[in-house]
Amino acid sequence: MIQFLTALAEPTRLAALQILWDHGEHCACELMEHLGATQSRVSRHMQVLKQAGLITDRRDAQWVRYRINPDLPPELHNALSAILAAAQPERSAA
């Protein structure tokens, strides 16, 4: 659980998880664009998330594709869902 929480404590990793939360696959190039980060920075952050068991990856030619770990235990999935919902920017009331 400590590794899970530590992985979520960094804003870039949290932002990456918000992108991946659609449960699709996203290549490192997409993450680089959305996060405004270099390939090496994205790679380092993704490694932390992978070691925490939050994501999986697969090689696709020159790129790596990432997604939320489909085998994430339900309690961690629910915790991640709540954290990502709480981290969403507040929308102004119209």
PDB file of N, CA and C in Angstrom:
ATOM      1  N   MET A   1       0.824  -1.191   0.000  1.00  0.00           N
ATOM      2  CA  MET A   1       0.000   0.000   0.000  1.00  0.00           C
ATOM      3  C   MET A   1       0.872   1.260   0.000  1.00  0.00           C
ATOM      4  N   ILE A   2       2.016   1.215   0.689  1.00  0.00           N
ATOM      5  CA  ILE A   2       2.908   2.372   0.721  1.00  0.00           C
ATOM      6  C   ILE A   2       3.404   2.688  -0.681  1.00  0.00           C
ATOM      7  N   GLN A   3       3.799   1.662  -1.439  1.00  0.00           N
ATOM      8  CA  GLN A   3       4.293   1.872  -2.802  1.00  0.00           C
ATOM      9  C   GLN A   3       3.188   2.457  -3.683  1.00  0.00           C
ATOM     10  N   PHE A   4       1.958   2.001  -3.491  1.00  0.00           N
ATOM     11  CA  PHE A   4       0.787   2.512  -4.212  1.00  0.00           C
ATOM     12  C   PHE A   4       0.622   4.007  -3.946  1.00  0.00           C
ATOM     13  N   LEU A   5       0.621   4.385  -2.675  1.00  0.00           N
ATOM     14  CA  LEU A   5       0.429   5.790  -2.315  1.00  0.00           C
ATOM     15  C   LEU A   5       1.603   6.662  -2.731  1.00  0.00           C
ATOM     16  N   THR A   6       2.799   6.137  -2.607  1.00  0.00           N
ATOM     17  CA  THR A   6       3.987   6.884  -3.024  1.00  0.00           C
ATOM     18  C   THR A   6       3.944   7.164  -4.526  1.00  0.00           C
ATOM     19  N   ALA A   7       3.516   6.186  -5.303  1.00  0.00           N
ATOM     20  CA  ALA A   7       3.429   6.365  -6.754  1.00  0.00           C
ATOM     21  C   ALA A   7       2.432   7.462  -7.104  1.00  0.00           C
ATOM     22  N   LEU A   8       1.374   7.595  -6.322  1.00  0.00           N
ATOM     23  CA  LEU A   8       0.336   8.593  -6.596  1.00  0.00           C
ATOM     24  C   LEU A   8       0.696   9.984  -6.090  1.00  0.00           C
ATOM     25  N   ALA A   9       1.725  10.087  -5.290  1.00  0.00           N
ATOM     26  CA  ALA A   9       2.069  11.356  -4.646  1.00  0.00           C
ATOM     27  C   ALA A   9       2.727  12.360  -5.584  1.00  0.00           C
ATOM     28  N   GLU A  10       3.122  11.939  -6.761  1.00  0.00           N
ATOM     29  CA  GLU A  10       3.826  12.823  -7.682  1.00  0.00           C
ATOM     30  C   GLU A  10       2.840  13.321  -8.749  1.00  0.00           C
ATOM     31  N   PRO A  11       2.713  14.633  -8.950  1.00  0.00           N
ATOM     32  CA  PRO A  11       1.706  15.182  -9.868  1.00  0.00           C
ATOM     33  C   PRO A  11       1.776  14.662 -11.300  1.00  0.00           C
ATOM     34  N   THR A  12       2.962  14.436 -11.834  1.00  0.00           N
ATOM     35  CA  THR A  12       3.065  13.932 -13.210  1.00  0.00           C
ATOM     36  C   THR A  12       2.512  12.518 -13.306  1.00  0.00           C
ATOM     37  N   ARG A  13       2.813  11.690 -12.316  1.00  0.00           N
ATOM     38  CA  ARG A  13       2.286  10.317 -12.340  1.00  0.00           C
ATOM     39  C   ARG A  13       0.771  10.313 -12.178  1.00  0.00           C
ATOM     40  N   LEU A  14       0.266  11.175 -11.331  1.00  0.00           N
ATOM     41  CA  LEU A  14      -1.186  11.268 -11.141  1.00  0.00           C
ATOM     42  C   LEU A  14      -1.850  11.723 -12.441  1.00  0.00           C
ATOM     43  N   ALA A  15      -1.249  12.689 -13.118  1.00  0.00           N
ATOM     44  CA  ALA A  15      -1.787  13.158 -14.397  1.00  0.00           C
ATOM     45  C   ALA A  15      -1.746  12.046 -15.451  1.00  0.00           C
ATOM     46  N   ALA A  16      -0.683  11.257 -15.452  1.00  0.00           N
ATOM     47  CA  ALA A  16      -0.583  10.134 -16.397  1.00  0.00           C
ATOM     48  C   ALA A  16      -1.693   9.119 -16.123  1.00  0.00           C
ATOM     49  N   LEU A  17      -1.950   8.842 -14.863  1.00  0.00           N
ATOM     50  CA  LEU A  17      -3.017   7.894 -14.522  1.00  0.00           C
ATOM     51  C   LEU A  17      -4.382   8.428 -14.944  1.00  0.00           C
ATOM     52  N   GLN A  18      -4.576   9.730 -14.845  1.00  0.00           N
ATOM     53  CA  GLN A  18      -5.844  10.303 -15.293  1.00  0.00           C
ATOM     54  C   GLN A  18      -6.037  10.081 -16.797  1.00  0.00           C
ATOM     55  N   ILE A  19      -4.963  10.156 -17.552  1.00  0.00           N
ATOM     56  CA  ILE A  19      -5.038   9.892 -18.992  1.00  0.00           C
ATOM     57  C   ILE A  19      -5.351   8.414 -19.236  1.00  0.00           C
ATOM     58  N   LEU A  20      -4.699   7.542 -18.490  1.00  0.00           N
ATOM     59  CA  LEU A  20      -4.872   6.100 -18.680  1.00  0.00           C
ATOM     60  C   LEU A  20      -6.203   5.580 -18.134  1.00  0.00           C
ATOM     61  N   TRP A  21      -6.882   6.376 -17.334  1.00  0.00           N
ATOM     62  CA  TRP A  21      -8.079   5.909 -16.643  1.00  0.00           C
ATOM     63  C   TRP A  21      -9.225   5.565 -17.592  1.00  0.00           C
ATOM     64  N   ASP A  22      -9.132   5.949 -18.872  1.00  0.00           N
ATOM     65  CA  ASP A  22     -10.179   5.567 -19.825  1.00  0.00           C
ATOM     66  C   ASP A  22     -10.113   4.076 -20.158  1.00  0.00           C
ATOM     67  N   HIS A  23      -9.146   3.386 -19.565  1.00  0.00           N
ATOM     68  CA  HIS A  23      -8.929   1.948 -19.715  1.00  0.00           C
ATOM     69  C   HIS A  23      -8.540   1.544 -21.132  1.00  0.00           C
ATOM     70  N   GLY A  24      -8.074   2.509 -21.907  1.00  0.00           N
ATOM     71  CA  GLY A  24      -7.502   2.217 -23.210  1.00  0.00           C
ATOM     72  C   GLY A  24      -5.995   2.129 -23.079  1.00  0.00           C
ATOM     73  N   GLU A  25      -5.354   1.883 -24.196  1.00  0.00           N
ATOM     74  CA  GLU A  25      -3.892   1.889 -24.242  1.00  0.00           C
ATOM     75  C   GLU A  25      -3.438   3.227 -24.794  1.00  0.00           C
ATOM     76  N   HIS A  26      -2.368   3.743 -24.226  1.00  0.00           N
ATOM     77  CA  HIS A  26      -1.815   5.011 -24.691  1.00  0.00           C
ATOM     78  C   HIS A  26      -0.313   4.852 -24.863  1.00  0.00           C
ATOM     79  N   CYS A  27       0.182   5.295 -26.012  1.00  0.00           N
ATOM     80  CA  CYS A  27       1.616   5.171 -26.239  1.00  0.00           C
ATOM     81  C   CYS A  27       2.355   6.276 -25.486  1.00  0.00           C
ATOM     82  N   ALA A  28       3.619   6.031 -25.282  1.00  0.00           N
ATOM     83  CA  ALA A  28       4.459   6.999 -24.577  1.00  0.00           C
ATOM     84  C   ALA A  28       4.423   8.346 -25.286  1.00  0.00           C
ATOM     85  N   CYS A  29       4.300   8.340 -26.603  1.00  0.00           N
ATOM     86  CA  CYS A  29       4.271   9.603 -27.346  1.00  0.00           C
ATOM     87  C   CYS A  29       3.042  10.433 -26.971  1.00  0.00           C
ATOM     88  N   GLU A  30       1.897   9.797 -26.759  1.00  0.00           N
ATOM     89  CA  GLU A  30       0.695  10.511 -26.317  1.00  0.00           C
ATOM     90  C   GLU A  30       0.908  11.113 -24.934  1.00  0.00           C
ATOM     91  N   LEU A  31       1.462  10.315 -24.043  1.00  0.00           N
ATOM     92  CA  LEU A  31       1.701  10.792 -22.688  1.00  0.00           C
ATOM     93  C   LEU A  31       2.679  11.963 -22.693  1.00  0.00           C
ATOM     94  N   MET A  32       3.708  11.867 -23.524  1.00  0.00           N
ATOM     95  CA  MET A  32       4.674  12.961 -23.629  1.00  0.00           C
ATOM     96  C   MET A  32       3.965  14.258 -24.033  1.00  0.00           C
ATOM     97  N   GLU A  33       3.089  14.151 -25.012  1.00  0.00           N
ATOM     98  CA  GLU A  33       2.376  15.327 -25.511  1.00  0.00           C
ATOM     99  C   GLU A  33       1.453  15.915 -24.448  1.00  0.00           C
ATOM    100  N   HIS A  34       0.643  15.064 -23.837  1.00  0.00           N
ATOM    101  CA  HIS A  34      -0.330  15.541 -22.849  1.00  0.00           C
ATOM    102  C   HIS A  34       0.328  16.055 -21.568  1.00  0.00           C
ATOM    103  N   LEU A  35       1.430  15.451 -21.205  1.00  0.00           N
ATOM    104  CA  LEU A  35       2.100  15.830 -19.959  1.00  0.00           C
ATOM    105  C   LEU A  35       3.162  16.903 -20.162  1.00  0.00           C
ATOM    106  N   GLY A  36       3.512  17.182 -21.407  1.00  0.00           N
ATOM    107  CA  GLY A  36       4.572  18.140 -21.681  1.00  0.00           C
ATOM    108  C   GLY A  36       5.901  17.685 -21.109  1.00  0.00           C
ATOM    109  N   ALA A  37       6.176  16.396 -21.268  1.00  0.00           N
ATOM    110  CA  ALA A  37       7.377  15.797 -20.680  1.00  0.00           C
ATOM    111  C   ALA A  37       8.199  15.102 -21.753  1.00  0.00           C
ATOM    112  N   THR A  38       9.473  14.966 -21.482  1.00  0.00           N
ATOM    113  CA  THR A  38      10.365  14.261 -22.394  1.00  0.00           C
ATOM    114  C   THR A  38      10.121  12.758 -22.306  1.00  0.00           C
ATOM    115  N   GLN A  39      10.644  12.038 -23.292  1.00  0.00           N
ATOM    116  CA  GLN A  39      10.491  10.582 -23.308  1.00  0.00           C
ATOM    117  C   GLN A  39      11.133   9.954 -22.073  1.00  0.00           C
ATOM    118  N   SER A  40      12.301  10.427 -21.696  1.00  0.00           N
ATOM    119  CA  SER A  40      12.980   9.822 -20.543  1.00  0.00           C
ATOM    120  C   SER A  40      12.215  10.096 -19.245  1.00  0.00           C
ATOM    121  N   ARG A  41      11.644  11.280 -19.117  1.00  0.00           N
ATOM    122  CA  ARG A  41      10.861  11.605 -17.913  1.00  0.00           C
ATOM    123  C   ARG A  41       9.602  10.744 -17.833  1.00  0.00           C
ATOM    124  N   VAL A  42       8.894  10.617 -18.959  1.00  0.00           N
ATOM    125  CA  VAL A  42       7.698   9.764 -18.991  1.00  0.00           C
ATOM    126  C   VAL A  42       8.087   8.330 -18.656  1.00  0.00           C
ATOM    127  N   SER A  43       9.167   7.853 -19.235  1.00  0.00           N
ATOM    128  CA  SER A  43       9.618   6.486 -18.991  1.00  0.00           C
ATOM    129  C   SER A  43       9.909   6.241 -17.511  1.00  0.00           C
ATOM    130  N   ARG A  44      10.582   7.183 -16.866  1.00  0.00           N
ATOM    131  CA  ARG A  44      10.889   7.038 -15.432  1.00  0.00           C
ATOM    132  C   ARG A  44       9.604   6.985 -14.600  1.00  0.00           C
ATOM    133  N   HIS A  45       8.662   7.875 -14.897  1.00  0.00           N
ATOM    134  CA  HIS A  45       7.412   7.898 -14.141  1.00  0.00           C
ATOM    135  C   HIS A  45       6.591   6.626 -14.377  1.00  0.00           C
ATOM    136  N   MET A  46       6.584   6.158 -15.608  1.00  0.00           N
ATOM    137  CA  MET A  46       5.826   4.944 -15.913  1.00  0.00           C
ATOM    138  C   MET A  46       6.440   3.736 -15.213  1.00  0.00           C
ATOM    139  N   GLN A  47       7.756   3.730 -15.074  1.00  0.00           N
ATOM    140  CA  GLN A  47       8.426   2.635 -14.371  1.00  0.00           C
ATOM    141  C   GLN A  47       7.986   2.589 -12.908  1.00  0.00           C
ATOM    142  N   VAL A  48       7.863   3.740 -12.270  1.00  0.00           N
ATOM    143  CA  VAL A  48       7.400   3.792 -10.873  1.00  0.00           C
ATOM    144  C   VAL A  48       5.980   3.252 -10.776  1.00  0.00           C
ATOM    145  N   LEU A  49       5.109   3.669 -11.698  1.00  0.00           N
ATOM    146  CA  LEU A  49       3.721   3.190 -11.685  1.00  0.00           C
ATOM    147  C   LEU A  49       3.647   1.691 -11.954  1.00  0.00           C
ATOM    148  N   LYS A  50       4.506   1.213 -12.833  1.00  0.00           N
ATOM    149  CA  LYS A  50       4.545  -0.221 -13.137  1.00  0.00           C
ATOM    150  C   LYS A  50       5.026  -1.014 -11.924  1.00  0.00           C
ATOM    151  N   GLN A  51       6.070  -0.548 -11.252  1.00  0.00           N
ATOM    152  CA  GLN A  51       6.585  -1.234 -10.068  1.00  0.00           C
ATOM    153  C   GLN A  51       5.550  -1.259  -8.944  1.00  0.00           C
ATOM    154  N   ALA A  52       4.690  -0.240  -8.896  1.00  0.00           N
ATOM    155  CA  ALA A  52       3.627  -0.198  -7.888  1.00  0.00           C
ATOM    156  C   ALA A  52       2.440  -1.081  -8.283  1.00  0.00           C
ATOM    157  N   GLY A  53       2.486  -1.656  -9.489  1.00  0.00           N
ATOM    158  CA  GLY A  53       1.414  -2.545  -9.937  1.00  0.00           C
ATOM    159  C   GLY A  53       0.203  -1.824 -10.500  1.00  0.00           C
ATOM    160  N   LEU A  54       0.321  -0.519 -10.737  1.00  0.00           N
ATOM    161  CA  LEU A  54      -0.818   0.267 -11.209  1.00  0.00           C
ATOM    162  C   LEU A  54      -1.030   0.173 -12.715  1.00  0.00           C
ATOM    163  N   ILE A  55       0.035  -0.055 -13.466  1.00  0.00           N
ATOM    164  CA  ILE A  55      -0.076  -0.104 -14.917  1.00  0.00           C
ATOM    165  C   ILE A  55       0.671  -1.310 -15.469  1.00  0.00           C
ATOM    166  N   THR A  56       0.360  -1.623 -16.711  1.00  0.00           N
ATOM    167  CA  THR A  56       1.115  -2.620 -17.469  1.00  0.00           C
ATOM    168  C   THR A  56       1.575  -1.948 -18.755  1.00  0.00           C
ATOM    169  N   ASP A  57       2.527  -2.561 -19.407  1.00  0.00           N
ATOM    170  CA  ASP A  57       3.004  -2.003 -20.664  1.00  0.00           C
ATOM    171  C   ASP A  57       3.271  -3.112 -21.662  1.00  0.00           C
ATOM    172  N   ARG A  58       3.363  -2.704 -22.912  1.00  0.00           N
ATOM    173  CA  ARG A  58       3.766  -3.627 -23.978  1.00  0.00           C
ATOM    174  C   ARG A  58       4.469  -2.820 -25.048  1.00  0.00           C
ATOM    175  N   ARG A  59       5.455  -3.441 -25.659  1.00  0.00           N
ATOM    176  CA  ARG A  59       6.227  -2.790 -26.722  1.00  0.00           C
ATOM    177  C   ARG A  59       5.438  -2.872 -28.018  1.00  0.00           C
ATOM    178  N   ASP A  60       5.410  -1.745 -28.742  1.00  0.00           N
ATOM    179  CA  ASP A  60       4.753  -1.658 -30.051  1.00  0.00           C
ATOM    180  C   ASP A  60       5.722  -0.934 -30.977  1.00  0.00           C
ATOM    181  N   ALA A  61       6.505  -1.709 -31.701  1.00  0.00           N
ATOM    182  CA  ALA A  61       7.574  -1.162 -32.560  1.00  0.00           C
ATOM    183  C   ALA A  61       8.508  -0.324 -31.701  1.00  0.00           C
ATOM    184  N   GLN A  62       8.663   0.962 -32.020  1.00  0.00           N
ATOM    185  CA  GLN A  62       9.613   1.792 -31.271  1.00  0.00           C
ATOM    186  C   GLN A  62       9.014   2.372 -29.997  1.00  0.00           C
ATOM    187  N   TRP A  63       7.698   2.281 -29.822  1.00  0.00           N
ATOM    188  CA  TRP A  63       7.042   2.873 -28.666  1.00  0.00           C
ATOM    189  C   TRP A  63       6.602   1.821 -27.672  1.00  0.00           C
ATOM    190  N   VAL A  64       6.309   2.288 -26.487  1.00  0.00           N
ATOM    191  CA  VAL A  64       5.730   1.438 -25.451  1.00  0.00           C
ATOM    192  C   VAL A  64       4.317   1.947 -25.208  1.00  0.00           C
ATOM    193  N   ARG A  65       3.381   1.028 -25.074  1.00  0.00           N
ATOM    194  CA  ARG A  65       1.983   1.378 -24.803  1.00  0.00           C
ATOM    195  C   ARG A  65       1.676   0.994 -23.357  1.00  0.00           C
ATOM    196  N   TYR A  66       0.973   1.896 -22.691  1.00  0.00           N
ATOM    197  CA  TYR A  66       0.643   1.718 -21.280  1.00  0.00           C
ATOM    198  C   TYR A  66      -0.864   1.668 -21.089  1.00  0.00           C
ATOM    199  N   ARG A  67      -1.279   0.964 -20.035  1.00  0.00           N
ATOM    200  CA  ARG A  67      -2.687   0.945 -19.642  1.00  0.00           C
ATOM    201  C   ARG A  67      -2.774   0.628 -18.165  1.00  0.00           C
ATOM    202  N   ILE A  68      -3.935   0.901 -17.593  1.00  0.00           N
ATOM    203  CA  ILE A  68      -4.188   0.539 -16.199  1.00  0.00           C
ATOM    204  C   ILE A  68      -4.097  -0.982 -16.095  1.00  0.00           C
ATOM    205  N   ASN A  69      -3.494  -1.461 -15.032  1.00  0.00           N
ATOM    206  CA  ASN A  69      -3.354  -2.898 -14.824  1.00  0.00           C
ATOM    207  C   ASN A  69      -4.741  -3.537 -14.694  1.00  0.00           C
ATOM    208  N   PRO A  70      -5.123  -4.412 -15.626  1.00  0.00           N
ATOM    209  CA  PRO A  70      -6.445  -5.036 -15.550  1.00  0.00           C
ATOM    210  C   PRO A  70      -6.585  -5.978 -14.350  1.00  0.00           C
ATOM    211  N   ASP A  71      -5.464  -6.374 -13.759  1.00  0.00           N
ATOM    212  CA  ASP A  71      -5.490  -7.268 -12.595  1.00  0.00           C
ATOM    213  C   ASP A  71      -5.319  -6.514 -11.280  1.00  0.00           C
ATOM    214  N   LEU A  72      -5.527  -5.203 -11.314  1.00  0.00           N
ATOM    215  CA  LEU A  72      -5.438  -4.397 -10.103  1.00  0.00           C
ATOM    216  C   LEU A  72      -6.505  -4.886  -9.128  1.00  0.00           C
ATOM    217  N   PRO A  73      -6.133  -5.214  -7.880  1.00  0.00           N
ATOM    218  CA  PRO A  73      -7.135  -5.690  -6.920  1.00  0.00           C
ATOM    219  C   PRO A  73      -8.272  -4.686  -6.766  1.00  0.00           C
ATOM    220  N   PRO A  74      -9.490  -5.168  -6.563  1.00  0.00           N
ATOM    221  CA  PRO A  74     -10.652  -4.277  -6.488  1.00  0.00           C
ATOM    222  C   PRO A  74     -10.505  -3.133  -5.477  1.00  0.00           C
ATOM    223  N   GLU A  75      -9.904  -3.405  -4.327  1.00  0.00           N
ATOM    224  CA  GLU A  75      -9.769  -2.347  -3.325  1.00  0.00           C
ATOM    225  C   GLU A  75      -8.825  -1.240  -3.809  1.00  0.00           C
ATOM    226  N   LEU A  76      -7.769  -1.610  -4.554  1.00  0.00           N
ATOM    227  CA  LEU A  76      -6.868  -0.599  -5.103  1.00  0.00           C
ATOM    228  C   LEU A  76      -7.510   0.118  -6.288  1.00  0.00           C
ATOM    229  N   HIS A  77      -8.271  -0.614  -7.088  1.00  0.00           N
ATOM    230  CA  HIS A  77      -8.996  -0.001  -8.202  1.00  0.00           C
ATOM    231  C   HIS A  77      -9.967   1.049  -7.669  1.00  0.00           C
ATOM    232  N   ASN A  78     -10.706   0.708  -6.623  1.00  0.00           N
ATOM    233  CA  ASN A  78     -11.671   1.640  -6.041  1.00  0.00           C
ATOM    234  C   ASN A  78     -10.966   2.844  -5.414  1.00  0.00           C
ATOM    235  N   ALA A  79      -9.858   2.598  -4.737  1.00  0.00           N
ATOM    236  CA  ALA A  79      -9.099   3.698  -4.142  1.00  0.00           C
ATOM    237  C   ALA A  79      -8.563   4.616  -5.236  1.00  0.00           C
ATOM    238  N   LEU A  80      -8.023   4.044  -6.300  1.00  0.00           N
ATOM    239  CA  LEU A  80      -7.503   4.840  -7.406  1.00  0.00           C
ATOM    240  C   LEU A  80      -8.620   5.650  -8.057  1.00  0.00           C
ATOM    241  N   SER A  81      -9.756   5.036  -8.247  1.00  0.00           N
ATOM    242  CA  SER A  81     -10.907   5.734  -8.825  1.00  0.00           C
ATOM    243  C   SER A  81     -11.286   6.947  -7.978  1.00  0.00           C
ATOM    244  N   ALA A  82     -11.349   6.771  -6.666  1.00  0.00           N
ATOM    245  CA  ALA A  82     -11.708   7.873  -5.764  1.00  0.00           C
ATOM    246  C   ALA A  82     -10.647   8.975  -5.789  1.00  0.00           C
ATOM    247  N   ILE A  83      -9.381   8.593  -5.800  1.00  0.00           N
ATOM    248  CA  ILE A  83      -8.289   9.580  -5.820  1.00  0.00           C
ATOM    249  C   ILE A  83      -8.322  10.374  -7.119  1.00  0.00           C
ATOM    250  N   LEU A  84      -8.506   9.693  -8.247  1.00  0.00           N
ATOM    251  CA  LEU A  84      -8.549  10.394  -9.532  1.00  0.00           C
ATOM    252  C   LEU A  84      -9.768  11.314  -9.627  1.00  0.00           C
ATOM    253  N   ALA A  85     -10.896  10.874  -9.083  1.00  0.00           N
ATOM    254  CA  ALA A  85     -12.093  11.729  -9.088  1.00  0.00           C
ATOM    255  C   ALA A  85     -11.857  12.977  -8.236  1.00  0.00           C
ATOM    256  N   ALA A  86     -11.217  12.801  -7.092  1.00  0.00           N
ATOM    257  CA  ALA A  86     -10.946  13.940  -6.196  1.00  0.00           C
ATOM    258  C   ALA A  86      -9.907  14.877  -6.801  1.00  0.00           C
ATOM    259  N   ALA A  87      -9.023  14.352  -7.631  1.00  0.00           N
ATOM    260  CA  ALA A  87      -7.958  15.163  -8.212  1.00  0.00           C
ATOM    261  C   ALA A  87      -8.399  15.927  -9.449  1.00  0.00           C
ATOM    262  N   GLN A  88      -9.593  15.620  -9.960  1.00  0.00           N
ATOM    263  CA  GLN A  88     -10.101  16.338 -11.140  1.00  0.00           C
ATOM    264  C   GLN A  88     -10.246  17.818 -10.810  1.00  0.00           C
ATOM    265  N   PRO A  89      -9.884  18.676 -11.750  1.00  0.00           N
ATOM    266  CA  PRO A  89     -10.076  20.104 -11.506  1.00  0.00           C
ATOM    267  C   PRO A  89     -11.561  20.395 -11.326  1.00  0.00           C
ATOM    268  N   GLU A  90     -11.844  21.256 -10.367  1.00  0.00           N
ATOM    269  CA  GLU A  90     -13.244  21.602 -10.128  1.00  0.00           C
ATOM    270  C   GLU A  90     -13.787  22.363 -11.321  1.00  0.00           C
ATOM    271  N   ARG A  91     -14.996  22.001 -11.702  1.00  0.00           N
ATOM    272  CA  ARG A  91     -15.649  22.706 -12.797  1.00  0.00           C
ATOM    273  C   ARG A  91     -16.476  23.834 -12.219  1.00  0.00           C
ATOM    274  N   SER A  92     -16.382  24.988 -12.831  1.00  0.00           N
ATOM    275  CA  SER A  92     -17.144  26.117 -12.327  1.00  0.00           C
ATOM    276  C   SER A  92     -18.622  25.928 -12.652  1.00  0.00           C
ATOM    277  N   ALA A  93     -19.443  26.311 -11.714  1.00  0.00           N
ATOM    278  CA  ALA A  93     -20.900  26.185 -11.903  1.00  0.00           C
ATOM    279  C   ALA A  93     -21.369  27.235 -12.894  1.00  0.00           C
ATOM    280  N   ALA A  94     -22.224  26.838 -13.810  1.00  0.00           N
ATOM    281  CA  ALA A  94     -22.727  27.777 -14.823  1.00  0.00           C
ATOM    282  C   ALA A  94     -23.991  28.438 -14.365  1.00  0.00           C
TER     283      ALA A  94
END
